[in-house]
């Protein structure tokens, strides 16, 4: 006799470590990246994008020669870094520096353009990136069946 009512959701055993239910190792290459590693890589990518955007942002009238911060313009190189980086190398500049990469968790295959673009668009909204599941994956990872792992 089943231990649950018909139609009730199945209970799953608690996982011993983050990433176990995804089939990822507990430690070492291929294991889930920590929140600190992911945040560090994100900060590097954001700063690099702001520096690139600042090269193209000109001082407007009345601003003198000092210029101003690139603001939203930094989203363009940020998005390019993510989409191109994921498609070419499976990682961004920040992920490379922190020893991380993005992998698909639904099957062993490279990140395709659709996933790279959707994941980046959701990351730009930022809200999906701060809502995590029990594995520490943001909604942008869950929607695209990806995870950030140690390289």
N, C-alpha and C. Protein backbone atom coordinates (compact mmCIF):
# COMPACT_ATOMS: atom_id res chain seq x y z
N UNK A 1 0.84 -1.18 0.00
CA UNK A 1 0.00 0.00 0.00
C UNK A 1 0.89 1.24 0.00
N UNK A 2 0.59 2.24 -0.85
CA UNK A 2 1.42 3.43 -0.90
C UNK A 2 1.31 4.25 0.39
N UNK A 3 2.38 4.98 0.71
CA UNK A 3 2.40 5.77 1.93
C UNK A 3 1.91 7.20 1.71
N UNK A 4 1.28 7.45 0.56
CA UNK A 4 0.74 8.78 0.29
C UNK A 4 -0.62 8.65 -0.38
N UNK A 5 -1.38 9.70 -0.28
CA UNK A 5 -2.70 9.74 -0.91
C UNK A 5 -2.57 9.81 -2.42
N UNK A 6 -3.49 9.21 -3.16
CA UNK A 6 -3.44 9.34 -4.62
C UNK A 6 -3.54 10.81 -5.02
N UNK A 7 -2.68 11.19 -5.96
CA UNK A 7 -2.67 12.58 -6.43
C UNK A 7 -1.77 13.50 -5.62
N UNK A 8 -1.30 13.03 -4.45
CA UNK A 8 -0.41 13.86 -3.64
C UNK A 8 0.99 13.80 -4.23
N UNK A 9 1.76 14.88 -4.10
CA UNK A 9 3.12 14.87 -4.65
C UNK A 9 3.99 13.81 -3.97
N UNK A 10 4.87 13.22 -4.75
CA UNK A 10 5.78 12.21 -4.22
C UNK A 10 6.79 12.87 -3.29
N UNK A 11 7.12 12.19 -2.20
CA UNK A 11 8.13 12.69 -1.28
C UNK A 11 9.49 12.18 -1.74
N UNK A 12 10.45 13.04 -1.70
CA UNK A 12 11.79 12.63 -2.08
C UNK A 12 12.68 12.62 -0.85
N UNK A 13 13.62 11.72 -0.85
CA UNK A 13 14.55 11.65 0.27
C UNK A 13 15.40 12.91 0.28
N UNK A 14 15.76 13.38 1.47
CA UNK A 14 16.60 14.57 1.51
C UNK A 14 17.96 14.27 0.87
N UNK A 15 18.48 15.26 0.18
CA UNK A 15 19.77 15.05 -0.47
C UNK A 15 20.89 15.26 0.52
N UNK A 16 21.97 14.53 0.34
CA UNK A 16 23.11 14.60 1.25
C UNK A 16 23.95 15.86 1.01
N UNK A 17 23.94 16.37 -0.23
CA UNK A 17 24.72 17.56 -0.56
C UNK A 17 24.07 18.28 -1.72
N UNK A 18 24.41 19.56 -1.90
CA UNK A 18 23.87 20.35 -3.01
C UNK A 18 24.32 19.75 -4.33
N UNK A 19 23.40 19.53 -5.23
CA UNK A 19 23.71 19.00 -6.54
C UNK A 19 23.54 17.50 -6.67
N UNK A 20 23.28 16.82 -5.58
CA UNK A 20 23.14 15.36 -5.64
C UNK A 20 21.97 14.96 -6.53
N UNK A 21 20.84 15.61 -6.38
CA UNK A 21 19.67 15.24 -7.19
C UNK A 21 19.85 15.58 -8.66
N UNK A 22 20.85 16.43 -8.97
CA UNK A 22 21.16 16.76 -10.36
C UNK A 22 22.18 15.80 -10.96
N UNK A 23 22.71 14.92 -10.12
CA UNK A 23 23.71 13.98 -10.59
C UNK A 23 25.11 14.56 -10.63
N UNK A 24 25.34 15.65 -9.90
CA UNK A 24 26.65 16.29 -9.88
C UNK A 24 27.46 15.78 -8.70
N UNK A 25 28.78 15.80 -8.81
CA UNK A 25 29.60 15.34 -7.68
C UNK A 25 29.52 16.30 -6.50
N UNK A 26 29.89 15.79 -5.32
CA UNK A 26 29.84 16.60 -4.11
C UNK A 26 30.96 17.63 -4.08
N UNK A 27 32.15 17.25 -4.53
CA UNK A 27 33.32 18.14 -4.50
C UNK A 27 34.07 18.06 -5.81
N UNK A 28 34.95 19.03 -6.01
CA UNK A 28 35.85 19.00 -7.15
C UNK A 28 35.21 19.46 -8.44
N UNK A 29 35.90 19.22 -9.57
CA UNK A 29 35.37 19.65 -10.87
C UNK A 29 33.99 19.05 -11.14
N UNK A 30 33.09 19.90 -11.61
CA UNK A 30 31.73 19.47 -11.91
C UNK A 30 30.77 19.62 -10.76
N UNK A 31 31.27 19.95 -9.55
CA UNK A 31 30.38 20.17 -8.42
C UNK A 31 29.84 21.60 -8.48
N UNK A 32 28.70 21.81 -7.84
CA UNK A 32 28.08 23.13 -7.87
C UNK A 32 28.99 24.19 -7.25
N UNK A 33 29.03 25.34 -7.88
CA UNK A 33 29.79 26.47 -7.36
C UNK A 33 29.09 27.03 -6.13
N UNK A 34 29.86 27.61 -5.25
CA UNK A 34 29.28 28.24 -4.06
C UNK A 34 28.68 29.59 -4.44
N UNK A 35 27.83 30.09 -3.57
CA UNK A 35 27.24 31.41 -3.79
C UNK A 35 28.33 32.48 -3.86
N UNK A 36 29.35 32.37 -3.00
CA UNK A 36 30.44 33.33 -3.01
C UNK A 36 31.20 33.34 -4.31
N UNK A 37 31.48 32.16 -4.87
CA UNK A 37 32.17 32.07 -6.15
C UNK A 37 31.34 32.70 -7.26
N UNK A 38 30.07 32.39 -7.26
CA UNK A 38 29.18 32.94 -8.30
C UNK A 38 29.07 34.46 -8.17
N UNK A 39 28.95 34.94 -6.94
CA UNK A 39 28.86 36.39 -6.73
C UNK A 39 30.15 37.07 -7.15
N UNK A 40 31.29 36.49 -6.82
CA UNK A 40 32.57 37.06 -7.23
C UNK A 40 32.70 37.16 -8.73
N UNK A 41 32.31 36.10 -9.44
CA UNK A 41 32.36 36.10 -10.90
C UNK A 41 31.41 37.15 -11.47
N UNK A 42 30.23 37.28 -10.88
CA UNK A 42 29.26 38.27 -11.33
C UNK A 42 29.82 39.68 -11.16
N UNK A 43 30.45 39.96 -10.02
CA UNK A 43 31.01 41.29 -9.77
C UNK A 43 32.11 41.61 -10.78
N UNK A 44 32.98 40.63 -11.07
CA UNK A 44 34.03 40.84 -12.07
C UNK A 44 33.40 41.16 -13.42
N UNK A 45 32.38 40.40 -13.81
CA UNK A 45 31.72 40.64 -15.10
C UNK A 45 31.06 42.01 -15.14
N UNK A 46 30.42 42.40 -14.04
CA UNK A 46 29.76 43.71 -13.99
C UNK A 46 30.78 44.85 -14.07
N UNK A 47 31.88 44.73 -13.34
CA UNK A 47 32.91 45.78 -13.39
C UNK A 47 33.57 45.85 -14.76
N UNK A 48 33.88 44.70 -15.35
CA UNK A 48 34.48 44.69 -16.69
C UNK A 48 33.54 45.32 -17.70
N UNK A 49 32.25 45.02 -17.59
CA UNK A 49 31.26 45.59 -18.51
C UNK A 49 31.15 47.10 -18.34
N UNK A 50 31.21 47.56 -17.10
CA UNK A 50 31.15 49.00 -16.85
C UNK A 50 32.38 49.70 -17.43
N UNK A 51 33.54 49.06 -17.32
CA UNK A 51 34.76 49.65 -17.89
C UNK A 51 34.69 49.72 -19.41
N UNK A 52 34.19 48.66 -20.03
CA UNK A 52 34.04 48.66 -21.48
C UNK A 52 33.05 49.74 -21.91
N UNK A 53 31.92 49.82 -21.23
CA UNK A 53 30.92 50.84 -21.57
C UNK A 53 31.48 52.24 -21.36
N UNK A 54 32.29 52.43 -20.33
CA UNK A 54 32.85 53.75 -20.05
C UNK A 54 33.75 54.23 -21.18
N UNK A 55 34.34 53.32 -21.92
CA UNK A 55 35.18 53.71 -23.06
C UNK A 55 34.36 54.39 -24.16
N UNK A 56 33.07 54.08 -24.21
CA UNK A 56 32.23 54.58 -25.28
C UNK A 56 31.27 55.69 -24.85
N UNK A 57 31.12 55.90 -23.56
CA UNK A 57 30.21 56.94 -23.06
C UNK A 57 30.96 58.26 -23.06
N UNK A 58 30.40 59.23 -23.73
CA UNK A 58 31.03 60.55 -23.86
C UNK A 58 30.41 61.52 -22.86
N UNK A 59 31.20 62.49 -22.47
CA UNK A 59 30.68 63.54 -21.60
C UNK A 59 29.71 64.39 -22.41
N UNK A 60 28.56 64.64 -21.84
CA UNK A 60 27.55 65.45 -22.52
C UNK A 60 27.79 66.93 -22.27
N UNK A 61 26.99 67.79 -22.92
CA UNK A 61 27.13 69.23 -22.72
C UNK A 61 26.89 69.58 -21.25
N UNK A 62 27.74 70.43 -20.74
CA UNK A 62 27.59 70.85 -19.35
C UNK A 62 28.25 69.91 -18.35
N UNK A 63 28.79 68.81 -18.82
CA UNK A 63 29.42 67.86 -17.92
C UNK A 63 30.93 68.06 -17.84
N UNK A 64 31.45 68.95 -18.65
CA UNK A 64 32.90 69.16 -18.64
C UNK A 64 33.61 67.98 -19.30
N UNK A 65 34.86 67.81 -18.98
CA UNK A 65 35.64 66.74 -19.60
C UNK A 65 35.68 65.49 -18.74
N UNK A 66 35.10 65.55 -17.54
CA UNK A 66 35.19 64.41 -16.62
C UNK A 66 34.32 63.24 -17.04
N UNK A 67 33.23 63.48 -17.76
CA UNK A 67 32.34 62.39 -18.15
C UNK A 67 31.45 61.96 -17.00
N UNK A 68 30.81 60.83 -17.17
CA UNK A 68 29.94 60.30 -16.13
C UNK A 68 29.93 58.78 -16.22
N UNK A 69 29.36 58.17 -15.23
CA UNK A 69 29.32 56.70 -15.20
C UNK A 69 28.48 56.16 -16.35
N UNK A 70 28.82 54.97 -16.86
CA UNK A 70 28.12 54.43 -18.02
C UNK A 70 26.67 54.03 -17.76
N UNK A 71 26.29 53.78 -16.52
CA UNK A 71 24.91 53.44 -16.20
C UNK A 71 24.40 52.23 -16.96
N UNK A 72 23.22 52.36 -17.54
CA UNK A 72 22.59 51.24 -18.25
C UNK A 72 23.35 50.79 -19.48
N UNK A 73 24.22 51.63 -20.00
CA UNK A 73 25.00 51.24 -21.17
C UNK A 73 25.88 50.02 -20.88
N UNK A 74 26.22 49.81 -19.63
CA UNK A 74 27.07 48.66 -19.29
C UNK A 74 26.34 47.33 -19.47
N UNK A 75 25.02 47.37 -19.61
CA UNK A 75 24.27 46.13 -19.84
C UNK A 75 24.58 45.52 -21.20
N UNK A 76 24.98 46.36 -22.17
CA UNK A 76 25.27 45.85 -23.52
C UNK A 76 26.51 44.96 -23.51
N UNK A 77 27.67 45.44 -23.00
CA UNK A 77 28.81 44.52 -22.95
C UNK A 77 28.61 43.37 -21.97
N UNK A 78 27.81 43.58 -20.92
CA UNK A 78 27.52 42.51 -19.97
C UNK A 78 26.78 41.37 -20.67
N UNK A 79 25.74 41.73 -21.42
CA UNK A 79 24.96 40.71 -22.14
C UNK A 79 25.82 40.03 -23.20
N UNK A 80 26.64 40.80 -23.90
CA UNK A 80 27.53 40.22 -24.91
C UNK A 80 28.52 39.26 -24.28
N UNK A 81 29.08 39.63 -23.13
CA UNK A 81 30.02 38.77 -22.41
C UNK A 81 29.35 37.44 -22.06
N UNK A 82 28.13 37.50 -21.56
CA UNK A 82 27.43 36.28 -21.17
C UNK A 82 27.04 35.42 -22.37
N UNK A 83 26.40 36.01 -23.36
CA UNK A 83 25.93 35.20 -24.49
C UNK A 83 27.11 34.62 -25.26
N UNK A 84 28.05 35.46 -25.66
CA UNK A 84 29.20 34.98 -26.43
C UNK A 84 30.06 34.04 -25.59
N UNK A 85 30.30 34.42 -24.34
CA UNK A 85 31.11 33.58 -23.46
C UNK A 85 30.51 32.20 -23.26
N UNK A 86 29.21 32.12 -23.03
CA UNK A 86 28.56 30.82 -22.84
C UNK A 86 28.60 29.98 -24.10
N UNK A 87 28.41 30.62 -25.25
CA UNK A 87 28.40 29.87 -26.50
C UNK A 87 29.80 29.41 -26.92
N UNK A 88 30.80 30.23 -26.70
CA UNK A 88 32.16 29.91 -27.15
C UNK A 88 32.91 29.04 -26.15
N UNK A 89 32.83 29.41 -24.86
CA UNK A 89 33.66 28.73 -23.87
C UNK A 89 32.88 28.13 -22.70
N UNK A 90 31.57 28.37 -22.65
CA UNK A 90 30.79 27.86 -21.53
C UNK A 90 30.99 28.66 -20.26
N UNK A 91 31.59 29.84 -20.38
CA UNK A 91 31.87 30.69 -19.21
C UNK A 91 32.11 32.13 -19.64
N UNK A 92 32.01 33.03 -18.68
CA UNK A 92 32.30 34.43 -18.90
C UNK A 92 33.71 34.72 -18.39
N UNK A 93 34.15 35.97 -18.53
CA UNK A 93 35.45 36.37 -18.00
C UNK A 93 35.52 36.13 -16.50
N UNK A 94 34.51 36.58 -15.77
CA UNK A 94 34.49 36.40 -14.32
C UNK A 94 34.48 34.93 -13.93
N UNK A 95 33.72 34.13 -14.64
CA UNK A 95 33.69 32.69 -14.35
C UNK A 95 35.05 32.06 -14.60
N UNK A 96 35.72 32.50 -15.65
CA UNK A 96 37.06 31.99 -15.94
C UNK A 96 38.01 32.30 -14.78
N UNK A 97 37.97 33.54 -14.29
CA UNK A 97 38.86 33.94 -13.20
C UNK A 97 38.57 33.20 -11.91
N UNK A 98 37.31 32.80 -11.70
CA UNK A 98 36.93 32.09 -10.49
C UNK A 98 36.88 30.57 -10.68
N UNK A 99 37.28 30.10 -11.86
CA UNK A 99 37.33 28.66 -12.10
C UNK A 99 35.96 28.01 -12.19
N UNK A 100 35.02 28.68 -12.85
CA UNK A 100 33.65 28.19 -12.99
C UNK A 100 33.27 28.05 -14.45
N UNK A 101 32.20 27.31 -14.70
CA UNK A 101 31.62 27.22 -16.04
C UNK A 101 30.15 26.87 -15.90
N UNK A 102 29.40 27.09 -16.97
CA UNK A 102 27.97 26.78 -16.99
C UNK A 102 27.78 25.49 -17.78
N UNK A 103 27.01 24.57 -17.22
CA UNK A 103 26.73 23.30 -17.90
C UNK A 103 25.23 23.07 -17.93
N UNK A 104 24.82 22.25 -18.86
CA UNK A 104 23.43 21.81 -18.89
C UNK A 104 23.29 20.65 -17.92
N UNK A 105 22.17 20.60 -17.21
CA UNK A 105 21.95 19.50 -16.28
C UNK A 105 20.94 18.49 -16.81
N UNK A 106 20.28 18.82 -17.92
CA UNK A 106 19.31 17.89 -18.48
C UNK A 106 19.96 16.82 -19.35
N UNK A 107 21.11 17.13 -19.92
CA UNK A 107 21.87 16.16 -20.72
C UNK A 107 23.25 16.72 -21.01
N UNK A 108 24.21 15.86 -21.30
CA UNK A 108 25.57 16.34 -21.58
C UNK A 108 25.67 16.94 -22.98
N UNK A 109 25.51 18.24 -23.07
CA UNK A 109 25.58 18.94 -24.35
C UNK A 109 26.01 20.37 -24.08
N UNK A 110 26.50 21.02 -25.10
CA UNK A 110 26.92 22.42 -24.98
C UNK A 110 25.69 23.32 -24.81
N UNK A 111 25.92 24.49 -24.28
CA UNK A 111 24.85 25.48 -24.14
C UNK A 111 24.50 25.98 -25.54
N UNK A 112 23.23 25.90 -25.90
CA UNK A 112 22.80 26.34 -27.22
C UNK A 112 22.43 27.83 -27.18
N UNK A 113 22.33 28.48 -28.36
CA UNK A 113 22.04 29.93 -28.39
C UNK A 113 20.77 30.32 -27.65
N UNK A 114 19.71 29.53 -27.79
CA UNK A 114 18.45 29.85 -27.11
C UNK A 114 18.65 29.91 -25.60
N UNK A 115 19.30 28.90 -25.03
CA UNK A 115 19.54 28.87 -23.58
C UNK A 115 20.43 30.02 -23.14
N UNK A 116 21.46 30.30 -23.92
CA UNK A 116 22.39 31.38 -23.56
C UNK A 116 21.66 32.71 -23.53
N UNK A 117 20.81 32.96 -24.52
CA UNK A 117 20.09 34.24 -24.59
C UNK A 117 19.04 34.33 -23.50
N UNK A 118 18.25 33.28 -23.28
CA UNK A 118 17.22 33.31 -22.24
C UNK A 118 17.86 33.44 -20.85
N UNK A 119 18.91 32.68 -20.59
CA UNK A 119 19.59 32.74 -19.30
C UNK A 119 20.13 34.15 -19.05
N UNK A 120 20.72 34.76 -20.07
CA UNK A 120 21.27 36.11 -19.93
C UNK A 120 20.16 37.13 -19.73
N UNK A 121 19.09 37.03 -20.48
CA UNK A 121 17.97 37.97 -20.33
C UNK A 121 17.39 37.89 -18.92
N UNK A 122 17.23 36.69 -18.40
CA UNK A 122 16.71 36.54 -17.05
C UNK A 122 17.71 37.08 -16.01
N UNK A 123 18.98 36.88 -16.25
CA UNK A 123 20.00 37.40 -15.34
C UNK A 123 19.99 38.92 -15.32
N UNK A 124 19.74 39.55 -16.47
CA UNK A 124 19.68 41.01 -16.53
C UNK A 124 18.53 41.57 -15.70
N UNK A 125 17.46 40.80 -15.57
CA UNK A 125 16.33 41.21 -14.75
C UNK A 125 16.71 41.15 -13.27
N UNK A 126 17.68 40.33 -12.92
CA UNK A 126 18.28 40.14 -11.60
C UNK A 126 17.38 39.41 -10.62
N UNK A 127 16.09 39.58 -10.68
CA UNK A 127 15.20 38.91 -9.73
C UNK A 127 15.38 37.39 -9.78
N UNK A 128 15.41 36.76 -10.96
CA UNK A 128 15.59 35.30 -10.96
C UNK A 128 16.93 34.87 -10.36
N UNK A 129 17.92 35.72 -10.39
CA UNK A 129 19.24 35.36 -9.88
C UNK A 129 19.29 35.34 -8.35
N UNK A 130 18.38 36.01 -7.69
CA UNK A 130 18.40 36.05 -6.24
C UNK A 130 17.35 35.14 -5.60
N UNK A 131 16.61 34.41 -6.41
CA UNK A 131 15.67 33.41 -5.91
C UNK A 131 16.29 32.05 -6.20
N UNK A 132 16.70 31.33 -5.14
CA UNK A 132 17.43 30.09 -5.32
C UNK A 132 16.62 28.88 -4.88
N UNK A 133 16.96 27.74 -5.47
CA UNK A 133 16.39 26.48 -5.02
C UNK A 133 17.34 25.84 -3.99
N UNK A 134 17.04 24.64 -3.54
CA UNK A 134 17.86 24.02 -2.50
C UNK A 134 19.26 23.64 -2.98
N UNK A 135 19.49 23.68 -4.29
CA UNK A 135 20.82 23.44 -4.82
C UNK A 135 21.60 24.74 -5.00
N UNK A 136 20.97 25.88 -4.72
CA UNK A 136 21.64 27.16 -4.90
C UNK A 136 21.59 27.67 -6.33
N UNK A 137 20.73 27.07 -7.15
CA UNK A 137 20.57 27.54 -8.53
C UNK A 137 19.48 28.60 -8.57
N UNK A 138 19.75 29.68 -9.31
CA UNK A 138 18.76 30.72 -9.48
C UNK A 138 17.69 30.30 -10.48
N UNK A 139 16.62 31.06 -10.53
CA UNK A 139 15.54 30.75 -11.47
C UNK A 139 16.03 30.77 -12.91
N UNK A 140 17.01 31.63 -13.21
CA UNK A 140 17.54 31.68 -14.58
C UNK A 140 18.22 30.36 -14.94
N UNK A 141 18.82 29.69 -13.95
CA UNK A 141 19.40 28.37 -14.18
C UNK A 141 18.32 27.30 -14.31
N UNK A 142 17.32 27.38 -13.46
CA UNK A 142 16.25 26.37 -13.49
C UNK A 142 15.47 26.43 -14.80
N UNK A 143 15.16 27.64 -15.28
CA UNK A 143 14.38 27.79 -16.50
C UNK A 143 15.16 27.27 -17.73
N UNK A 144 16.48 27.33 -17.66
CA UNK A 144 17.29 26.91 -18.82
C UNK A 144 18.00 25.57 -18.61
N UNK A 145 17.66 24.87 -17.52
CA UNK A 145 18.28 23.57 -17.21
C UNK A 145 19.80 23.66 -17.20
N UNK A 146 20.32 24.68 -16.52
CA UNK A 146 21.77 24.87 -16.42
C UNK A 146 22.18 24.95 -14.97
N UNK A 147 23.48 24.86 -14.74
CA UNK A 147 24.05 25.04 -13.40
C UNK A 147 25.45 25.60 -13.56
N UNK A 148 25.87 26.38 -12.58
CA UNK A 148 27.24 26.90 -12.56
C UNK A 148 28.05 25.94 -11.69
N UNK A 149 29.08 25.37 -12.28
CA UNK A 149 29.89 24.36 -11.60
C UNK A 149 31.36 24.76 -11.59
N UNK A 150 32.11 24.10 -10.74
CA UNK A 150 33.56 24.29 -10.73
C UNK A 150 34.13 23.66 -11.99
N UNK A 151 35.05 24.37 -12.64
CA UNK A 151 35.64 23.87 -13.89
C UNK A 151 36.70 22.81 -13.60
